Amino acid sequence: MSEHKAIYDVTGLDCSIEEFKMRPCVRHRYSPEFVLPTPDEIKFVRTALLGWPQTKLGAFLGYPIDPKGCPTVRRWERPVDANNHRAIEYNAWRRILLAAGVIEGGEDLQIADRYLEFIG
């Protein structure tokens, strides 16, 4: 029997990785259930699942970093109603989910193949 341990972190999300996998933000963008992740969901994956500071996440994704972290990651994690909030790019979000073990890359490849067959 697998253990479903809740993960608590500064975002207030208290769910296991298995529970997080069921959230709409984890779905593929072609899924009708997909929604962009909230700032708290981004921060949850970064801190609770990866254990990375903003600087490491920014460097991993190839964004500029500075002594205070990564301005791009900071903007993603700002409240949605803040002036300097920016929505995360879909490809960056998928790479983060892949690095955290929330998704497997094969799923995205299968979906890409299905869509190629559909339009071809």
PDB file of N, CA and C in Angstrom:
ATOM      1  N   MET A   1       0.842  -1.177   0.000  1.00  0.00           N
ATOM      2  CA  MET A   1       0.000   0.000   0.000  1.00  0.00           C
ATOM      3  C   MET A   1       0.885   1.236   0.000  1.00  0.00           C
ATOM      4  N   SER A   2       0.631   2.167  -0.895  1.00  0.00           N
ATOM      5  CA  SER A   2       1.456   3.369  -0.952  1.00  0.00           C
ATOM      6  C   SER A   2       0.972   4.385   0.073  1.00  0.00           C
ATOM      7  N   GLU A   3       1.916   5.137   0.561  1.00  0.00           N
ATOM      8  CA  GLU A   3       1.602   6.156   1.557  1.00  0.00           C
ATOM      9  C   GLU A   3       1.324   7.473   0.846  1.00  0.00           C
ATOM     10  N   HIS A   4       0.215   8.105   1.181  1.00  0.00           N
ATOM     11  CA  HIS A   4      -0.146   9.393   0.600  1.00  0.00           C
ATOM     12  C   HIS A   4       0.071  10.462   1.647  1.00  0.00           C
ATOM     13  N   LYS A   5       1.299  10.920   1.742  1.00  0.00           N
ATOM     14  CA  LYS A   5       1.665  11.902   2.743  1.00  0.00           C
ATOM     15  C   LYS A   5       1.355  13.299   2.226  1.00  0.00           C
ATOM     16  N   ALA A   6       0.660  14.080   3.053  1.00  0.00           N
ATOM     17  CA  ALA A   6       0.381  15.469   2.686  1.00  0.00           C
ATOM     18  C   ALA A   6       1.668  16.271   2.772  1.00  0.00           C
ATOM     19  N   ILE A   7       1.829  17.194   1.858  1.00  0.00           N
ATOM     20  CA  ILE A   7       2.992  18.072   1.841  1.00  0.00           C
ATOM     21  C   ILE A   7       2.490  19.464   2.206  1.00  0.00           C
ATOM     22  N   TYR A   8       3.047  20.032   3.264  1.00  0.00           N
ATOM     23  CA  TYR A   8       2.651  21.371   3.693  1.00  0.00           C
ATOM     24  C   TYR A   8       3.759  22.342   3.339  1.00  0.00           C
ATOM     25  N   ASP A   9       3.384  23.494   2.849  1.00  0.00           N
ATOM     26  CA  ASP A   9       4.413  24.481   2.555  1.00  0.00           C
ATOM     27  C   ASP A   9       3.851  25.878   2.724  1.00  0.00           C
ATOM     28  N   VAL A  10       4.646  26.864   2.382  1.00  0.00           N
ATOM     29  CA  VAL A  10       4.290  28.260   2.618  1.00  0.00           C
ATOM     30  C   VAL A  10       3.101  28.734   1.789  1.00  0.00           C
ATOM     31  N   THR A  11       2.695  28.015   0.780  1.00  0.00           N
ATOM     32  CA  THR A  11       1.589  28.469  -0.060  1.00  0.00           C
ATOM     33  C   THR A  11       0.238  28.158   0.558  1.00  0.00           C
ATOM     34  N   GLY A  12       0.210  27.277   1.540  1.00  0.00           N
ATOM     35  CA  GLY A  12      -1.060  26.881   2.128  1.00  0.00           C
ATOM     36  C   GLY A  12      -1.672  25.670   1.450  1.00  0.00           C
ATOM     37  N   LEU A  13      -1.116  25.228   0.338  1.00  0.00           N
ATOM     38  CA  LEU A  13      -1.606  23.999  -0.289  1.00  0.00           C
ATOM     39  C   LEU A  13      -1.142  22.830   0.568  1.00  0.00           C
ATOM     40  N   ASP A  14      -2.028  21.947   0.889  1.00  0.00           N
ATOM     41  CA  ASP A  14      -1.641  20.784   1.681  1.00  0.00           C
ATOM     42  C   ASP A  14      -2.165  19.526   0.990  1.00  0.00           C
ATOM     43  N   CYS A  15      -1.393  19.068   0.038  1.00  0.00           N
ATOM     44  CA  CYS A  15      -1.797  17.890  -0.712  1.00  0.00           C
ATOM     45  C   CYS A  15      -0.576  17.043  -1.014  1.00  0.00           C
ATOM     46  N   SER A  16      -0.834  15.796  -1.304  1.00  0.00           N
ATOM     47  CA  SER A  16       0.249  14.900  -1.712  1.00  0.00           C
ATOM     48  C   SER A  16       0.533  15.134  -3.191  1.00  0.00           C
ATOM     49  N   ILE A  17       1.628  14.577  -3.656  1.00  0.00           N
ATOM     50  CA  ILE A  17       1.941  14.700  -5.082  1.00  0.00           C
ATOM     51  C   ILE A  17       0.859  14.012  -5.914  1.00  0.00           C
ATOM     52  N   GLU A  18       0.305  12.908  -5.393  1.00  0.00           N
ATOM     53  CA  GLU A  18      -0.762  12.211  -6.116  1.00  0.00           C
ATOM     54  C   GLU A  18      -1.999  13.094  -6.245  1.00  0.00           C
ATOM     55  N   GLU A  19      -2.326  13.826  -5.180  1.00  0.00           N
ATOM     56  CA  GLU A  19      -3.467  14.741  -5.228  1.00  0.00           C
ATOM     57  C   GLU A  19      -3.181  15.916  -6.160  1.00  0.00           C
ATOM     58  N   PHE A  20      -1.946  16.400  -6.131  1.00  0.00           N
ATOM     59  CA  PHE A  20      -1.592  17.522  -7.001  1.00  0.00           C
ATOM     60  C   PHE A  20      -1.712  17.124  -8.467  1.00  0.00           C
ATOM     61  N   LYS A  21      -1.382  15.887  -8.793  1.00  0.00           N
ATOM     62  CA  LYS A  21      -1.460  15.411 -10.178  1.00  0.00           C
ATOM     63  C   LYS A  21      -2.875  15.505 -10.748  1.00  0.00           C
ATOM     64  N   MET A  22      -3.882  15.568  -9.878  1.00  0.00           N
ATOM     65  CA  MET A  22      -5.273  15.620 -10.314  1.00  0.00           C
ATOM     66  C   MET A  22      -5.770  17.052 -10.555  1.00  0.00           C
ATOM     67  N   ARG A  23      -4.968  18.040 -10.247  1.00  0.00           N
ATOM     68  CA  ARG A  23      -5.393  19.437 -10.394  1.00  0.00           C
ATOM     69  C   ARG A  23      -5.495  19.810 -11.879  1.00  0.00           C
ATOM     70  N   PRO A  24      -6.412  20.702 -12.237  1.00  0.00           N
ATOM     71  CA  PRO A  24      -6.584  21.098 -13.643  1.00  0.00           C
ATOM     72  C   PRO A  24      -5.322  21.672 -14.285  1.00  0.00           C
ATOM     73  N   CYS A  25      -4.463  22.310 -13.506  1.00  0.00           N
ATOM     74  CA  CYS A  25      -3.252  22.909 -14.079  1.00  0.00           C
ATOM     75  C   CYS A  25      -2.244  21.867 -14.553  1.00  0.00           C
ATOM     76  N   VAL A  26      -2.431  20.621 -14.162  1.00  0.00           N
ATOM     77  CA  VAL A  26      -1.506  19.552 -14.563  1.00  0.00           C
ATOM     78  C   VAL A  26      -1.950  18.913 -15.882  1.00  0.00           C
ATOM     79  N   ARG A  27      -3.178  19.111 -16.256  1.00  0.00           N
ATOM     80  CA  ARG A  27      -3.680  18.549 -17.512  1.00  0.00           C
ATOM     81  C   ARG A  27      -2.919  19.143 -18.705  1.00  0.00           C
ATOM     82  N   HIS A  28      -2.960  18.446 -19.814  1.00  0.00           N
ATOM     83  CA  HIS A  28      -2.349  18.958 -21.042  1.00  0.00           C
ATOM     84  C   HIS A  28      -3.181  20.126 -21.557  1.00  0.00           C
ATOM     85  N   ARG A  29      -2.536  21.063 -22.211  1.00  0.00           N
ATOM     86  CA  ARG A  29      -3.244  22.272 -22.666  1.00  0.00           C
ATOM     87  C   ARG A  29      -4.375  21.965 -23.634  1.00  0.00           C
ATOM     88  N   TYR A  30      -4.361  20.824 -24.296  1.00  0.00           N
ATOM     89  CA  TYR A  30      -5.448  20.460 -25.196  1.00  0.00           C
ATOM     90  C   TYR A  30      -6.613  19.805 -24.469  1.00  0.00           C
ATOM     91  N   SER A  31      -6.467  19.594 -23.185  1.00  0.00           N
ATOM     92  CA  SER A  31      -7.560  19.044 -22.387  1.00  0.00           C
ATOM     93  C   SER A  31      -8.554  20.161 -22.069  1.00  0.00           C
ATOM     94  N   PRO A  32      -9.853  19.889 -22.172  1.00  0.00           N
ATOM     95  CA  PRO A  32     -10.831  20.930 -21.841  1.00  0.00           C
ATOM     96  C   PRO A  32     -10.795  21.334 -20.363  1.00  0.00           C
ATOM     97  N   GLU A  33     -10.228  20.492 -19.513  1.00  0.00           N
ATOM     98  CA  GLU A  33     -10.148  20.802 -18.084  1.00  0.00           C
ATOM     99  C   GLU A  33      -8.939  21.664 -17.726  1.00  0.00           C
ATOM    100  N   PHE A  34      -8.005  21.864 -18.661  1.00  0.00           N
ATOM    101  CA  PHE A  34      -6.776  22.590 -18.343  1.00  0.00           C
ATOM    102  C   PHE A  34      -7.049  24.047 -17.998  1.00  0.00           C
ATOM    103  N   VAL A  35      -6.388  24.511 -16.939  1.00  0.00           N
ATOM    104  CA  VAL A  35      -6.334  25.933 -16.599  1.00  0.00           C
ATOM    105  C   VAL A  35      -4.891  26.248 -16.238  1.00  0.00           C
ATOM    106  N   LEU A  36      -4.481  27.493 -16.468  1.00  0.00           N
ATOM    107  CA  LEU A  36      -3.131  27.892 -16.075  1.00  0.00           C
ATOM    108  C   LEU A  36      -2.974  27.764 -14.564  1.00  0.00           C
ATOM    109  N   PRO A  37      -1.774  27.455 -14.106  1.00  0.00           N
ATOM    110  CA  PRO A  37      -1.572  27.336 -12.660  1.00  0.00           C
ATOM    111  C   PRO A  37      -1.673  28.692 -11.968  1.00  0.00           C
ATOM    112  N   THR A  38      -2.107  28.654 -10.729  1.00  0.00           N
ATOM    113  CA  THR A  38      -2.133  29.865  -9.911  1.00  0.00           C
ATOM    114  C   THR A  38      -0.721  30.139  -9.402  1.00  0.00           C
ATOM    115  N   PRO A  39      -0.465  31.350  -8.946  1.00  0.00           N
ATOM    116  CA  PRO A  39       0.836  31.616  -8.329  1.00  0.00           C
ATOM    117  C   PRO A  39       1.150  30.646  -7.184  1.00  0.00           C
ATOM    118  N   ASP A  40       0.145  30.300  -6.384  1.00  0.00           N
ATOM    119  CA  ASP A  40       0.377  29.353  -5.289  1.00  0.00           C
ATOM    120  C   ASP A  40       0.741  27.960  -5.795  1.00  0.00           C
ATOM    121  N   GLU A  41       0.153  27.537  -6.897  1.00  0.00           N
ATOM    122  CA  GLU A  41       0.493  26.224  -7.456  1.00  0.00           C
ATOM    123  C   GLU A  41       1.922  26.212  -7.982  1.00  0.00           C
ATOM    124  N   ILE A  42       2.329  27.290  -8.614  1.00  0.00           N
ATOM    125  CA  ILE A  42       3.713  27.383  -9.106  1.00  0.00           C
ATOM    126  C   ILE A  42       4.682  27.334  -7.931  1.00  0.00           C
ATOM    127  N   LYS A  43       4.399  28.132  -6.914  1.00  0.00           N
ATOM    128  CA  LYS A  43       5.278  28.182  -5.745  1.00  0.00           C
ATOM    129  C   LYS A  43       5.283  26.848  -5.000  1.00  0.00           C
ATOM    130  N   PHE A  44       4.144  26.165  -4.937  1.00  0.00           N
ATOM    131  CA  PHE A  44       4.064  24.857  -4.291  1.00  0.00           C
ATOM    132  C   PHE A  44       5.005  23.866  -4.971  1.00  0.00           C
ATOM    133  N   VAL A  45       4.953  23.798  -6.291  1.00  0.00           N
ATOM    134  CA  VAL A  45       5.826  22.860  -7.008  1.00  0.00           C
ATOM    135  C   VAL A  45       7.288  23.241  -6.793  1.00  0.00           C
ATOM    136  N   ARG A  46       7.581  24.529  -6.889  1.00  0.00           N
ATOM    137  CA  ARG A  46       8.970  24.977  -6.724  1.00  0.00           C
ATOM    138  C   ARG A  46       9.506  24.682  -5.330  1.00  0.00           C
ATOM    139  N   THR A  47       8.732  24.994  -4.285  1.00  0.00           N
ATOM    140  CA  THR A  47       9.244  24.872  -2.916  1.00  0.00           C
ATOM    141  C   THR A  47       9.022  23.493  -2.309  1.00  0.00           C
ATOM    142  N   ALA A  48       7.797  22.984  -2.389  1.00  0.00           N
ATOM    143  CA  ALA A  48       7.470  21.731  -1.702  1.00  0.00           C
ATOM    144  C   ALA A  48       7.908  20.490  -2.466  1.00  0.00           C
ATOM    145  N   LEU A  49       7.786  20.512  -3.779  1.00  0.00           N
ATOM    146  CA  LEU A  49       8.134  19.319  -4.556  1.00  0.00           C
ATOM    147  C   LEU A  49       9.583  19.333  -5.025  1.00  0.00           C
ATOM    148  N   LEU A  50      10.047  20.472  -5.515  1.00  0.00           N
ATOM    149  CA  LEU A  50      11.431  20.553  -5.986  1.00  0.00           C
ATOM    150  C   LEU A  50      12.398  20.981  -4.888  1.00  0.00           C
ATOM    151  N   GLY A  51      11.940  21.827  -3.966  1.00  0.00           N
ATOM    152  CA  GLY A  51      12.823  22.355  -2.925  1.00  0.00           C
ATOM    153  C   GLY A  51      13.832  23.351  -3.468  1.00  0.00           C
ATOM    154  N   TRP A  52      13.451  24.062  -4.526  1.00  0.00           N
ATOM    155  CA  TRP A  52      14.374  24.979  -5.196  1.00  0.00           C
ATOM    156  C   TRP A  52      14.054  26.429  -4.861  1.00  0.00           C
ATOM    157  N   PRO A  53      15.093  27.265  -4.747  1.00  0.00           N
ATOM    158  CA  PRO A  53      14.853  28.711  -4.678  1.00  0.00           C
ATOM    159  C   PRO A  53      14.520  29.231  -6.081  1.00  0.00           C
ATOM    160  N   GLN A  54      14.009  30.446  -6.144  1.00  0.00           N
ATOM    161  CA  GLN A  54      13.679  31.049  -7.441  1.00  0.00           C
ATOM    162  C   GLN A  54      14.882  31.069  -8.377  1.00  0.00           C
ATOM    163  N   THR A  55      16.064  31.304  -7.817  1.00  0.00           N
ATOM    164  CA  THR A  55      17.275  31.386  -8.637  1.00  0.00           C
ATOM    165  C   THR A  55      17.525  30.082  -9.390  1.00  0.00           C
ATOM    166  N   LYS A  56      17.403  28.959  -8.695  1.00  0.00           N
ATOM    167  CA  LYS A  56      17.663  27.671  -9.343  1.00  0.00           C
ATOM    168  C   LYS A  56      16.612  27.379 -10.410  1.00  0.00           C
ATOM    169  N   LEU A  57      15.350  27.676 -10.112  1.00  0.00           N
ATOM    170  CA  LEU A  57      14.311  27.441 -11.109  1.00  0.00           C
ATOM    171  C   LEU A  57      14.547  28.311 -12.344  1.00  0.00           C
ATOM    172  N   GLY A  58      14.877  29.572 -12.126  1.00  0.00           N
ATOM    173  CA  GLY A  58      15.168  30.460 -13.250  1.00  0.00           C
ATOM    174  C   GLY A  58      16.330  29.962 -14.090  1.00  0.00           C
ATOM    175  N   ALA A  59      17.398  29.530 -13.425  1.00  0.00           N
ATOM    176  CA  ALA A  59      18.567  29.010 -14.146  1.00  0.00           C
ATOM    177  C   ALA A  59      18.206  27.738 -14.909  1.00  0.00           C
ATOM    178  N   PHE A  60      17.430  26.857 -14.286  1.00  0.00           N
ATOM    179  CA  PHE A  60      16.993  25.614 -14.926  1.00  0.00           C
ATOM    180  C   PHE A  60      16.225  25.909 -16.217  1.00  0.00           C
ATOM    181  N   LEU A  61      15.395  26.943 -16.181  1.00  0.00           N
ATOM    182  CA  LEU A  61      14.569  27.280 -17.343  1.00  0.00           C
ATOM    183  C   LEU A  61      15.263  28.212 -18.334  1.00  0.00           C
ATOM    184  N   GLY A  62      16.451  28.714 -17.969  1.00  0.00           N
ATOM    185  CA  GLY A  62      17.202  29.574 -18.869  1.00  0.00           C
ATOM    186  C   GLY A  62      16.827  31.044 -18.805  1.00  0.00           C
ATOM    187  N   TYR A  63      16.215  31.464 -17.711  1.00  0.00           N
ATOM    188  CA  TYR A  63      15.849  32.873 -17.537  1.00  0.00           C
ATOM    189  C   TYR A  63      16.961  33.609 -16.808  1.00  0.00           C
ATOM    190  N   PRO A  64      17.031  34.936 -16.978  1.00  0.00           N
ATOM    191  CA  PRO A  64      18.038  35.719 -16.248  1.00  0.00           C
ATOM    192  C   PRO A  64      17.813  35.622 -14.734  1.00  0.00           C
ATOM    193  N   ILE A  65      18.917  35.571 -13.996  1.00  0.00           N
ATOM    194  CA  ILE A  65      18.842  35.541 -12.536  1.00  0.00           C
ATOM    195  C   ILE A  65      19.672  36.690 -11.982  1.00  0.00           C
ATOM    196  N   ASP A  66      19.367  37.067 -10.751  1.00  0.00           N
ATOM    197  CA  ASP A  66      20.118  38.116 -10.075  1.00  0.00           C
ATOM    198  C   ASP A  66      20.257  37.725  -8.605  1.00  0.00           C
ATOM    199  N   PRO A  67      20.950  38.526  -7.793  1.00  0.00           N
ATOM    200  CA  PRO A  67      21.135  38.155  -6.384  1.00  0.00           C
ATOM    201  C   PRO A  67      19.824  37.975  -5.609  1.00  0.00           C
ATOM    202  N   LYS A  68      18.738  38.580  -6.070  1.00  0.00           N
ATOM    203  CA  LYS A  68      17.448  38.446  -5.383  1.00  0.00           C
ATOM    204  C   LYS A  68      16.646  37.248  -5.885  1.00  0.00           C
ATOM    205  N   GLY A  69      17.136  36.544  -6.862  1.00  0.00           N
ATOM    206  CA  GLY A  69      16.410  35.405  -7.413  1.00  0.00           C
ATOM    207  C   GLY A  69      16.259  35.533  -8.909  1.00  0.00           C
ATOM    208  N   CYS A  70      15.063  35.267  -9.379  1.00  0.00           N
ATOM    209  CA  CYS A  70      14.765  35.338 -10.812  1.00  0.00           C
ATOM    210  C   CYS A  70      13.540  36.231 -10.993  1.00  0.00           C
ATOM    211  N   PRO A  71      13.712  37.379 -11.642  1.00  0.00           N
ATOM    212  CA  PRO A  71      12.571  38.279 -11.833  1.00  0.00           C
ATOM    213  C   PRO A  71      11.380  37.613 -12.527  1.00  0.00           C
ATOM    214  N   THR A  72      11.644  36.737 -13.473  1.00  0.00           N
ATOM    215  CA  THR A  72      10.559  36.067 -14.190  1.00  0.00           C
ATOM    216  C   THR A  72       9.763  35.181 -13.249  1.00  0.00           C
ATOM    217  N   VAL A  73      10.448  34.370 -12.454  1.00  0.00           N
ATOM    218  CA  VAL A  73       9.759  33.494 -11.499  1.00  0.00           C
ATOM    219  C   VAL A  73       9.000  34.336 -10.473  1.00  0.00           C
ATOM    220  N   ARG A  74       9.610  35.423 -10.014  1.00  0.00           N
ATOM    221  CA  ARG A  74       8.924  36.315  -9.058  1.00  0.00           C
ATOM    222  C   ARG A  74       7.602  36.815  -9.635  1.00  0.00           C
ATOM    223  N   ARG A  75       7.601  37.179 -10.907  1.00  0.00           N
ATOM    224  CA  ARG A  75       6.365  37.676 -11.543  1.00  0.00           C
ATOM    225  C   ARG A  75       5.294  36.587 -11.615  1.00  0.00           C
ATOM    226  N   TRP A  76       5.706  35.348 -11.890  1.00  0.00           N
ATOM    227  CA  TRP A  76       4.741  34.245 -11.927  1.00  0.00           C
ATOM    228  C   TRP A  76       4.107  34.011 -10.562  1.00  0.00           C
ATOM    229  N   GLU A  77       4.888  34.224  -9.501  1.00  0.00           N
ATOM    230  CA  GLU A  77       4.429  33.916  -8.147  1.00  0.00           C
ATOM    231  C   GLU A  77       3.763  35.107  -7.453  1.00  0.00           C
ATOM    232  N   ARG A  78       3.726  36.248  -8.103  1.00  0.00           N
ATOM    233  CA  ARG A  78       3.031  37.411  -7.545  1.00  0.00           C
ATOM    234  C   ARG A  78       1.523  37.180  -7.633  1.00  0.00           C
ATOM    235  N   PRO A  79       0.741  37.796  -6.748  1.00  0.00           N
ATOM    236  CA  PRO A  79      -0.721  37.665  -6.842  1.00  0.00           C
ATOM    237  C   PRO A  79      -1.225  38.079  -8.228  1.00  0.00           C
ATOM    238  N   VAL A  80      -2.240  37.408  -8.696  1.00  0.00           N
ATOM    239  CA  VAL A  80      -2.764  37.640 -10.042  1.00  0.00           C
ATOM    240  C   VAL A  80      -3.178  39.097 -10.241  1.00  0.00           C
ATOM    241  N   ASP A  81      -3.655  39.748  -9.196  1.00  0.00           N
ATOM    242  CA  ASP A  81      -4.107  41.132  -9.339  1.00  0.00           C
ATOM    243  C   ASP A  81      -2.982  42.159  -9.176  1.00  0.00           C
ATOM    244  N   ALA A  82      -1.753  41.714  -8.979  1.00  0.00           N
ATOM    245  CA  ALA A  82      -0.610  42.629  -8.847  1.00  0.00           C
ATOM    246  C   ALA A  82      -0.213  43.172 -10.222  1.00  0.00           C
ATOM    247  N   ASN A  83       0.274  44.405 -10.239  1.00  0.00           N
ATOM    248  CA  ASN A  83       0.694  45.039 -11.498  1.00  0.00           C
ATOM    249  C   ASN A  83       1.740  44.222 -12.239  1.00  0.00           C
ATOM    250  N   ASN A  84       2.679  43.663 -11.501  1.00  0.00           N
ATOM    251  CA  ASN A  84       3.799  42.978 -12.154  1.00  0.00           C
ATOM    252  C   ASN A  84       3.626  41.465 -12.232  1.00  0.00           C
ATOM    253  N   HIS A  85       2.407  40.961 -12.037  1.00  0.00           N
ATOM    254  CA  HIS A  85       2.161  39.525 -12.217  1.00  0.00           C
ATOM    255  C   HIS A  85       2.184  39.194 -13.707  1.00  0.00           C
ATOM    256  N   ARG A  86       2.762  38.049 -14.028  1.00  0.00           N
ATOM    257  CA  ARG A  86       2.741  37.536 -15.399  1.00  0.00           C
ATOM    258  C   ARG A  86       2.339  36.069 -15.348  1.00  0.00           C
ATOM    259  N   ALA A  87       1.533  35.659 -16.301  1.00  0.00           N
ATOM    260  CA  ALA A  87       1.174  34.246 -16.405  1.00  0.00           C
ATOM    261  C   ALA A  87       2.401  33.466 -16.871  1.00  0.00           C
ATOM    262  N   ILE A  88       2.544  32.266 -16.371  1.00  0.00           N
ATOM    263  CA  ILE A  88       3.668  31.414 -16.751  1.00  0.00           C
ATOM    264  C   ILE A  88       3.454  30.890 -18.172  1.00  0.00           C
ATOM    265  N   GLU A  89       4.523  30.773 -18.914  1.00  0.00           N
ATOM    266  CA  GLU A  89       4.444  30.184 -20.250  1.00  0.00           C
ATOM    267  C   GLU A  89       4.182  28.684 -20.098  1.00  0.00           C
ATOM    268  N   TYR A  90       3.364  28.159 -20.982  1.00  0.00           N
ATOM    269  CA  TYR A  90       2.974  26.752 -20.892  1.00  0.00           C
ATOM    270  C   TYR A  90       4.179  25.814 -20.927  1.00  0.00           C
ATOM    271  N   ASN A  91       5.120  26.050 -21.826  1.00  0.00           N
ATOM    272  CA  ASN A  91       6.280  25.157 -21.932  1.00  0.00           C
ATOM    273  C   ASN A  91       7.128  25.180 -20.669  1.00  0.00           C
ATOM    274  N   ALA A  92       7.283  26.347 -20.058  1.00  0.00           N
ATOM    275  CA  ALA A  92       8.033  26.435 -18.801  1.00  0.00           C
ATOM    276  C   ALA A  92       7.314  25.640 -17.718  1.00  0.00           C
ATOM    277  N   TRP A  93       5.995  25.767 -17.653  1.00  0.00           N
ATOM    278  CA  TRP A  93       5.216  25.032 -16.653  1.00  0.00           C
ATOM    279  C   TRP A  93       5.374  23.524 -16.839  1.00  0.00           C
ATOM    280  N   ARG A  94       5.320  23.046 -18.067  1.00  0.00           N
ATOM    281  CA  ARG A  94       5.461  21.605 -18.305  1.00  0.00           C
ATOM    282  C   ARG A  94       6.855  21.115 -17.903  1.00  0.00           C
ATOM    283  N   ARG A  95       7.886  21.907 -18.162  1.00  0.00           N
ATOM    284  CA  ARG A  95       9.250  21.517 -17.753  1.00  0.00           C
ATOM    285  C   ARG A  95       9.356  21.440 -16.239  1.00  0.00           C
ATOM    286  N   ILE A  96       8.710  22.366 -15.543  1.00  0.00           N
ATOM    287  CA  ILE A  96       8.720  22.350 -14.078  1.00  0.00           C
ATOM    288  C   ILE A  96       8.021  21.091 -13.570  1.00  0.00           C
ATOM    289  N   LEU A  97       6.855  20.784 -14.135  1.00  0.00           N
ATOM    290  CA  LEU A  97       6.120  19.582 -13.720  1.00  0.00           C
ATOM    291  C   LEU A  97       6.931  18.322 -13.994  1.00  0.00           C
ATOM    292  N   LEU A  98       7.620  18.275 -15.111  1.00  0.00           N
ATOM    293  CA  LEU A  98       8.462  17.132 -15.463  1.00  0.00           C
ATOM    294  C   LEU A  98       9.609  16.987 -14.469  1.00  0.00           C
ATOM    295  N   ALA A  99      10.272  18.092 -14.145  1.00  0.00           N
ATOM    296  CA  ALA A  99      11.392  18.059 -13.195  1.00  0.00           C
ATOM    297  C   ALA A  99      10.936  17.610 -11.813  1.00  0.00           C
ATOM    298  N   ALA A 100       9.713  17.967 -11.433  1.00  0.00           N
ATOM    299  CA  ALA A 100       9.192  17.621 -10.107  1.00  0.00           C
ATOM    300  C   ALA A 100       8.621  16.209 -10.053  1.00  0.00           C
ATOM    301  N   GLY A 101       8.546  15.531 -11.194  1.00  0.00           N
ATOM    302  CA  GLY A 101       7.995  14.180 -11.217  1.00  0.00           C
ATOM    303  C   GLY A 101       6.478  14.143 -11.192  1.00  0.00           C
ATOM    304  N   VAL A 102       5.855  15.267 -11.493  1.00  0.00           N
ATOM    305  CA  VAL A 102       4.392  15.331 -11.509  1.00  0.00           C
ATOM    306  C   VAL A 102       3.851  14.728 -12.800  1.00  0.00           C
ATOM    307  N   ILE A 103       4.558  14.923 -13.898  1.00  0.00           N
ATOM    308  CA  ILE A 103       4.169  14.348 -15.187  1.00  0.00           C
ATOM    309  C   ILE A 103       5.347  13.573 -15.755  1.00  0.00           C
ATOM    310  N   GLU A 104       5.045  12.768 -16.776  1.00  0.00           N
ATOM    311  CA  GLU A 104       6.084  12.067 -17.520  1.00  0.00           C
ATOM    312  C   GLU A 104       6.085  12.621 -18.943  1.00  0.00           C
ATOM    313  N   GLY A 105       7.247  12.743 -19.529  1.00  0.00           N
ATOM    314  CA  GLY A 105       7.365  13.323 -20.863  1.00  0.00           C
ATOM    315  C   GLY A 105       6.657  12.541 -21.946  1.00  0.00           C
ATOM    316  N   GLY A 106       6.534  11.250 -21.766  1.00  0.00           N
ATOM    317  CA  GLY A 106       5.904  10.414 -22.776  1.00  0.00           C
ATOM    318  C   GLY A 106       4.465  10.798 -23.066  1.00  0.00           C
ATOM    319  N   GLU A 107       3.770  11.276 -22.045  1.00  0.00           N
ATOM    320  CA  GLU A 107       2.371  11.683 -22.218  1.00  0.00           C
ATOM    321  C   GLU A 107       2.256  12.817 -23.235  1.00  0.00           C
ATOM    322  N   ASP A 108       3.119  13.816 -23.124  1.00  0.00           N
ATOM    323  CA  ASP A 108       3.082  14.937 -24.062  1.00  0.00           C
ATOM    324  C   ASP A 108       3.427  14.480 -25.478  1.00  0.00           C
ATOM    325  N   LEU A 109       4.360  13.539 -25.610  1.00  0.00           N
ATOM    326  CA  LEU A 109       4.711  13.023 -26.937  1.00  0.00           C
ATOM    327  C   LEU A 109       3.544  12.268 -27.562  1.00  0.00           C
ATOM    328  N   GLN A 110       2.830  11.490 -26.756  1.00  0.00           N
ATOM    329  CA  GLN A 110       1.663  10.763 -27.267  1.00  0.00           C
ATOM    330  C   GLN A 110       0.573  11.719 -27.734  1.00  0.00           C
ATOM    331  N   ILE A 111       0.350  12.771 -26.963  1.00  0.00           N
ATOM    332  CA  ILE A 111      -0.663  13.760 -27.348  1.00  0.00           C
ATOM    333  C   ILE A 111      -0.247  14.460 -28.636  1.00  0.00           C
ATOM    334  N   ALA A 112       1.033  14.797 -28.767  1.00  0.00           N
ATOM    335  CA  ALA A 112       1.520  15.439 -29.991  1.00  0.00           C
ATOM    336  C   ALA A 112       1.308  14.524 -31.197  1.00  0.00           C
ATOM    337  N   ASP A 113       1.588  13.238 -31.030  1.00  0.00           N
ATOM    338  CA  ASP A 113       1.381  12.284 -32.125  1.00  0.00           C
ATOM    339  C   ASP A 113      -0.093  12.213 -32.521  1.00  0.00           C
ATOM    340  N   ARG A 114      -0.989  12.198 -31.533  1.00  0.00           N
ATOM    341  CA  ARG A 114      -2.427  12.140 -31.827  1.00  0.00           C
ATOM    342  C   ARG A 114      -2.873  13.363 -32.618  1.00  0.00           C
ATOM    343  N   TYR A 115      -2.364  14.535 -32.245  1.00  0.00           N
ATOM    344  CA  TYR A 115      -2.767  15.747 -32.958  1.00  0.00           C
ATOM    345  C   TYR A 115      -2.172  15.799 -34.355  1.00  0.00           C
ATOM    346  N   LEU A 116      -0.977  15.255 -34.538  1.00  0.00           N
ATOM    347  CA  LEU A 116      -0.400  15.189 -35.883  1.00  0.00           C
ATOM    348  C   LEU A 116      -1.238  14.287 -36.774  1.00  0.00           C
ATOM    349  N   GLU A 117      -1.706  13.163 -36.226  1.00  0.00           N
ATOM    350  CA  GLU A 117      -2.565  12.262 -36.991  1.00  0.00           C
ATOM    351  C   GLU A 117      -3.883  12.946 -37.334  1.00  0.00           C
ATOM    352  N   PHE A 118      -4.392  13.725 -36.396  1.00  0.00           N
ATOM    353  CA  PHE A 118      -5.670  14.408 -36.582  1.00  0.00           C
ATOM    354  C   PHE A 118      -5.613  15.419 -37.728  1.00  0.00           C
ATOM    355  N   ILE A 119      -4.527  16.207 -37.783  1.00  0.00           N
ATOM    356  CA  ILE A 119      -4.450  17.235 -38.824  1.00  0.00           C
ATOM    357  C   ILE A 119      -3.841  16.707 -40.121  1.00  0.00           C
ATOM    358  N   GLY A 120      -3.173  15.543 -40.046  1.00  0.00           N
ATOM    359  CA  GLY A 120      -2.506  14.999 -41.218  1.00  0.00           C
ATOM    360  C   GLY A 120      -3.414  14.227 -42.039  1.00  0.00           C
TER     361      GLY A 120
END
